[in-house]
Amino acid sequence: MIAQAQGNGPDLPWPRIQQFIDGVWQNVAPLGVPSGKGKTVVAPIKGRLASRRLRIGSGISVYWDRIAFSLTNAPPLVVGEAPLAESTLRFRGFSRLIARDPERFDYHGVRYSSLWSPMRGRFTAYGPTEGLVASADGRYAVFGSGDEISFSFVVERPVPPPPRTRSFLLELVGYVKDGDRYTGHAGQVEPIPYLGLDQYPPPQDDRLQAAQTHSPYRTRAPLDFTLATIGTPRSNTQ
């Protein structure tokens, strides 16, 4: 993945459905890589198949535990938007690990010790964050290990009658930073990303502008975690 990101090799063939026609495997539909762990991928193939011999082709390691086909025609999709009513940033702790391969966590089993050091830099103060996350305007709620942002939405549409069902999708626009040594400026919040960022680290002038834009919203120091912490961790400064 690192070599691919740096452009040091050929393009990786991402997972895709293929069909065997006249002795050649031909692409039918892309699958991509599931976001997170233990996810489901759905690919539309109606009207695209000319063979009963199919496969999933890939140049990376992805493990599949179930493959299924749906032969029913789904009702027309109706999409609506639920406006944000409330958003709050707060300290929560760390969910207890209950399974591996894939990893699963118990949200209600909370611990207050961390196995890694906190990110260096300033974070958004605890409290309401609607003004930062209601729209993709280049301002961000910056939070780190042990933090949580809760959301409440106004759902005005009535529940659809059977056989229709309603699902909720949370659309997020943001960036993730970690402490991996291969990450640019690892282990620290700076440099702050900005809307439209197409390379990282960004140019120096853009870094300064992004830092100045976000400085009023980043007034909290990282929490002080240790492996021996038992109670609620403390903040270095307010």
Protein backbone atom coordinates (compact mmCIF):
# COMPACT_ATOMS: atom_id res chain seq x y z
CA MET A 1 0.00 0.00 0.00
CA ILE A 2 2.86 2.36 0.83
CA ALA A 3 4.64 1.67 -2.46
CA GLN A 4 1.34 2.15 -4.29
CA ALA A 5 0.73 5.50 -2.59
CA GLN A 6 4.23 6.66 -3.48
CA GLY A 7 3.87 5.62 -7.11
CA ASN A 8 6.78 3.18 -7.01
CA GLY A 9 5.07 0.28 -8.73
CA PRO A 10 2.27 -0.80 -11.04
CA ASP A 11 -1.33 -0.08 -10.09
CA LEU A 12 -2.86 -2.60 -7.71
CA PRO A 13 -5.87 -4.40 -9.21
CA TRP A 14 -8.62 -3.77 -6.66
CA PRO A 15 -11.29 -6.45 -6.10
CA ARG A 16 -13.80 -6.74 -8.93
CA ILE A 17 -16.31 -9.27 -10.28
CA GLN A 18 -15.22 -10.94 -13.49
CA GLN A 19 -16.89 -13.35 -15.94
CA PHE A 20 -15.30 -15.95 -18.21
CA ILE A 21 -16.17 -15.41 -21.89
CA ASP A 22 -14.41 -17.03 -24.86
CA GLY A 23 -11.45 -18.06 -22.73
CA VAL A 24 -10.88 -14.60 -21.26
CA TRP A 25 -11.77 -13.15 -17.86
CA GLN A 26 -13.63 -9.88 -18.36
CA ASN A 27 -14.52 -7.25 -15.75
CA VAL A 28 -18.18 -6.96 -14.77
CA ALA A 29 -18.35 -4.63 -11.76
CA PRO A 30 -15.84 -3.14 -9.29
CA LEU A 31 -16.09 -4.12 -5.62
CA GLY A 32 -13.40 -1.98 -4.02
CA VAL A 33 -12.26 -2.66 -0.47
CA PRO A 34 -14.81 -2.71 2.38
CA SER A 35 -14.39 0.22 4.75
CA GLY A 36 -13.66 -1.13 8.22
CA LYS A 37 -13.91 -4.73 9.32
CA GLY A 38 -16.63 -7.29 8.79
CA LYS A 39 -18.44 -5.26 6.13
CA THR A 40 -20.82 -6.13 3.30
CA VAL A 41 -20.17 -5.09 -0.29
CA VAL A 42 -23.05 -4.81 -2.79
CA ALA A 43 -22.45 -4.72 -6.54
CA PRO A 44 -25.14 -4.27 -9.25
CA ILE A 45 -24.75 -6.89 -12.00
CA LYS A 46 -28.21 -6.87 -13.60
CA GLY A 47 -27.93 -6.86 -17.40
CA ARG A 48 -24.14 -7.23 -17.28
CA LEU A 49 -23.71 -11.01 -17.24
CA ALA A 50 -23.09 -13.09 -20.35
CA SER A 51 -21.58 -16.10 -18.57
CA ARG A 52 -22.40 -18.36 -15.63
CA ARG A 53 -18.74 -18.68 -14.67
CA LEU A 54 -17.78 -15.86 -12.33
CA ARG A 55 -14.94 -15.00 -10.01
CA ILE A 56 -13.64 -12.18 -7.81
CA GLY A 57 -10.31 -10.97 -9.10
CA SER A 58 -7.97 -9.01 -6.85
CA GLY A 59 -4.35 -8.01 -6.43
CA ILE A 60 -4.62 -7.53 -2.66
CA SER A 61 -5.51 -9.84 0.22
CA VAL A 62 -9.24 -9.70 1.01
CA TYR A 63 -11.12 -12.53 2.76
CA TRP A 64 -14.75 -13.29 1.89
CA ASP A 65 -16.96 -15.44 4.13
CA ARG A 66 -20.21 -15.30 2.14
CA ILE A 67 -21.33 -14.65 -1.45
CA ALA A 68 -25.02 -14.24 -2.30
CA PHE A 69 -27.20 -13.23 -5.24
CA SER A 70 -30.52 -11.40 -5.14
CA LEU A 71 -32.94 -12.18 -7.97
CA THR A 72 -35.68 -9.78 -6.87
CA ASN A 73 -36.29 -6.32 -8.23
CA ALA A 74 -35.85 -3.75 -5.48
CA PRO A 75 -38.44 -0.95 -5.24
CA PRO A 76 -37.32 2.50 -6.42
CA LEU A 77 -34.86 4.13 -4.07
CA VAL A 78 -36.07 7.29 -2.35
CA VAL A 79 -33.31 9.43 -0.82
CA GLY A 80 -33.89 12.19 1.69
CA GLU A 81 -31.68 14.26 3.99
CA ALA A 82 -32.13 14.57 7.74
CA PRO A 83 -30.75 17.88 9.05
CA LEU A 84 -28.41 17.88 12.01
CA ALA A 85 -30.12 18.85 15.29
CA GLU A 86 -27.31 18.43 17.81
CA SER A 87 -23.67 17.42 17.96
CA THR A 88 -21.56 17.09 21.10
CA LEU A 89 -17.88 16.30 21.58
CA ARG A 90 -17.04 14.60 24.89
CA PHE A 91 -14.65 12.21 26.57
CA ARG A 92 -15.80 8.59 26.57
CA GLY A 93 -12.93 6.10 26.93
CA PHE A 94 -12.09 2.96 24.95
CA SER A 95 -14.47 0.15 23.98
CA ARG A 96 -13.49 -3.31 25.21
CA LEU A 97 -12.12 -5.67 22.54
CA ILE A 98 -14.31 -8.79 22.39
CA ALA A 99 -13.15 -10.54 19.19
CA ARG A 100 -10.40 -10.54 16.59
CA ASP A 101 -10.29 -11.40 12.87
CA PRO A 102 -12.22 -9.23 12.37
CA GLU A 103 -11.92 -7.04 15.43
CA ARG A 104 -15.18 -6.30 17.26
CA PHE A 105 -15.71 -4.11 20.28
CA ASP A 106 -18.28 -3.83 23.06
CA TYR A 107 -19.45 -0.23 23.11
CA HIS A 108 -20.85 -0.59 26.64
CA GLY A 109 -17.65 -2.11 28.03
CA VAL A 110 -15.48 0.97 28.57
CA ARG A 111 -11.90 1.14 29.81
CA TYR A 112 -9.86 4.23 30.57
CA SER A 113 -6.34 3.12 29.71
CA SER A 114 -4.67 3.48 26.33
CA LEU A 115 -2.01 1.33 24.69
CA TRP A 116 -0.56 4.23 22.74
CA SER A 117 0.56 7.78 23.36
CA PRO A 118 -1.86 10.65 22.66
CA MET A 119 -1.41 12.80 19.59
CA ARG A 120 0.54 15.99 20.14
CA GLY A 121 -1.25 19.24 19.41
CA ARG A 122 -4.47 21.07 20.22
CA PHE A 123 -7.97 19.63 19.95
CA THR A 124 -11.49 21.04 19.83
CA ALA A 125 -12.93 21.86 23.26
CA TYR A 126 -15.54 19.52 24.71
CA GLY A 127 -19.09 20.70 24.18
CA PRO A 128 -21.44 21.55 21.27
CA THR A 129 -19.92 21.21 17.79
CA GLU A 130 -22.88 21.82 15.47
CA GLY A 131 -21.18 24.88 14.00
CA LEU A 132 -18.20 22.78 12.93
CA VAL A 133 -19.81 19.61 11.59
CA ALA A 134 -23.19 20.63 10.16
CA SER A 135 -21.73 21.09 6.67
CA ALA A 136 -18.53 20.49 4.73
CA ASP A 137 -17.18 24.03 4.94
CA GLY A 138 -13.51 23.39 5.72
CA ARG A 139 -13.87 23.67 9.51
CA TYR A 140 -13.40 20.52 11.56
CA ALA A 141 -14.03 19.16 15.02
CA VAL A 142 -10.58 17.80 15.92
CA PHE A 143 -10.64 14.98 18.47
CA GLY A 144 -8.38 12.13 19.49
CA SER A 145 -8.05 8.90 21.46
CA GLY A 146 -10.83 8.34 23.99
CA ASP A 147 -13.05 11.09 22.57
CA GLU A 148 -16.52 10.70 21.08
CA ILE A 149 -18.81 12.88 18.96
CA SER A 150 -22.54 12.19 19.26
CA PHE A 151 -25.08 13.29 16.62
CA SER A 152 -28.84 13.83 16.67
CA PHE A 153 -30.87 14.37 13.50
CA VAL A 154 -34.37 15.55 12.67
CA VAL A 155 -36.20 12.79 10.74
CA GLU A 156 -39.39 14.23 9.24
CA ARG A 157 -40.27 11.49 6.75
CA PRO A 158 -42.78 8.89 8.00
CA VAL A 159 -41.75 5.25 8.29
CA PRO A 160 -42.41 3.62 4.87
CA PRO A 161 -45.00 0.82 4.76
CA PRO A 162 -43.89 -2.78 4.04
CA PRO A 163 -42.22 -4.15 2.02
CA ARG A 164 -40.14 -0.99 1.91
CA THR A 165 -37.58 -0.41 4.62
CA ARG A 166 -35.64 2.62 5.73
CA SER A 167 -31.89 2.78 6.27
CA PHE A 168 -29.72 5.59 7.61
CA LEU A 169 -26.35 6.55 6.15
CA LEU A 170 -23.99 8.92 7.94
CA GLU A 171 -21.99 11.02 5.50
CA LEU A 172 -18.68 12.25 6.89
CA VAL A 173 -16.10 14.59 5.35
CA GLY A 174 -12.83 14.58 7.24
CA TYR A 175 -9.32 13.25 7.66
CA VAL A 176 -7.68 10.61 9.84
CA LYS A 177 -4.21 10.93 11.34
CA ASP A 178 -2.32 8.18 13.17
CA GLY A 179 1.02 7.46 14.76
CA ASP A 180 2.30 5.03 12.13
CA ARG A 181 5.88 5.88 11.23
CA TYR A 182 4.99 5.84 7.53
CA THR A 183 2.43 8.61 8.03
CA GLY A 184 3.52 12.14 7.20
CA HIS A 185 4.06 14.10 10.46
CA ALA A 186 2.99 11.05 12.46
CA GLY A 187 1.84 11.35 16.06
CA GLN A 188 0.78 15.00 15.90
CA VAL A 189 -2.25 17.01 14.86
CA GLU A 190 -0.36 19.51 12.74
CA PRO A 191 -0.31 20.25 9.88
CA ILE A 192 -4.08 20.76 9.81
CA PRO A 193 -5.81 19.49 6.63
CA TYR A 194 -8.29 21.64 4.75
CA LEU A 195 -11.19 21.16 2.38
CA GLY A 196 -9.94 20.29 -1.10
CA LEU A 197 -6.62 18.90 0.14
CA ASP A 198 -5.07 16.86 -2.68
CA GLN A 199 -1.61 16.17 -1.28
CA TYR A 200 -0.15 15.59 2.16
CA PRO A 201 1.78 17.23 3.64
CA PRO A 202 0.23 20.34 2.06
CA PRO A 203 2.29 23.30 0.77
CA GLN A 204 3.67 25.57 3.49
CA ASP A 205 1.43 28.54 2.63
CA ASP A 206 -1.67 26.33 2.83
CA ARG A 207 -0.49 24.94 6.16
CA LEU A 208 -0.27 28.39 7.69
CA GLN A 209 -3.69 29.41 6.37
CA ALA A 210 -5.33 26.21 7.63
CA ALA A 211 -3.70 26.61 11.07
CA GLN A 212 -4.92 30.19 11.38
CA THR A 213 -8.45 29.18 10.30
CA HIS A 214 -8.69 26.39 12.88
CA SER A 215 -6.83 27.94 15.81
CA PRO A 216 -10.02 29.45 17.40
CA TYR A 217 -11.60 25.96 17.46
CA ARG A 218 -8.63 24.06 18.90
CA THR A 219 -8.17 25.13 22.52
CA ARG A 220 -7.87 21.78 24.32
CA ALA A 221 -4.67 19.92 25.14
CA PRO A 222 -4.54 16.12 24.61
CA LEU A 223 -5.57 13.88 27.47
CA ASP A 224 -2.79 12.37 29.57
CA PHE A 225 -3.09 8.59 29.22
CA THR A 226 -0.85 5.92 30.71
CA LEU A 227 -1.01 2.13 30.69
CA ALA A 228 -1.67 2.13 34.44
CA THR A 229 -4.56 4.58 34.32
CA ILE A 230 -7.64 3.25 36.13
CA GLY A 231 -9.87 6.26 36.69
CA THR A 232 -10.89 9.00 34.31
CA PRO A 233 -7.80 10.52 32.68
CA ARG A 234 -6.93 14.13 33.24
CA SER A 235 -6.23 16.89 30.77
CA ASN A 236 -2.81 18.49 30.77
CA THR A 237 -4.31 21.98 30.53
CA GLN A 238 -7.71 23.46 29.85
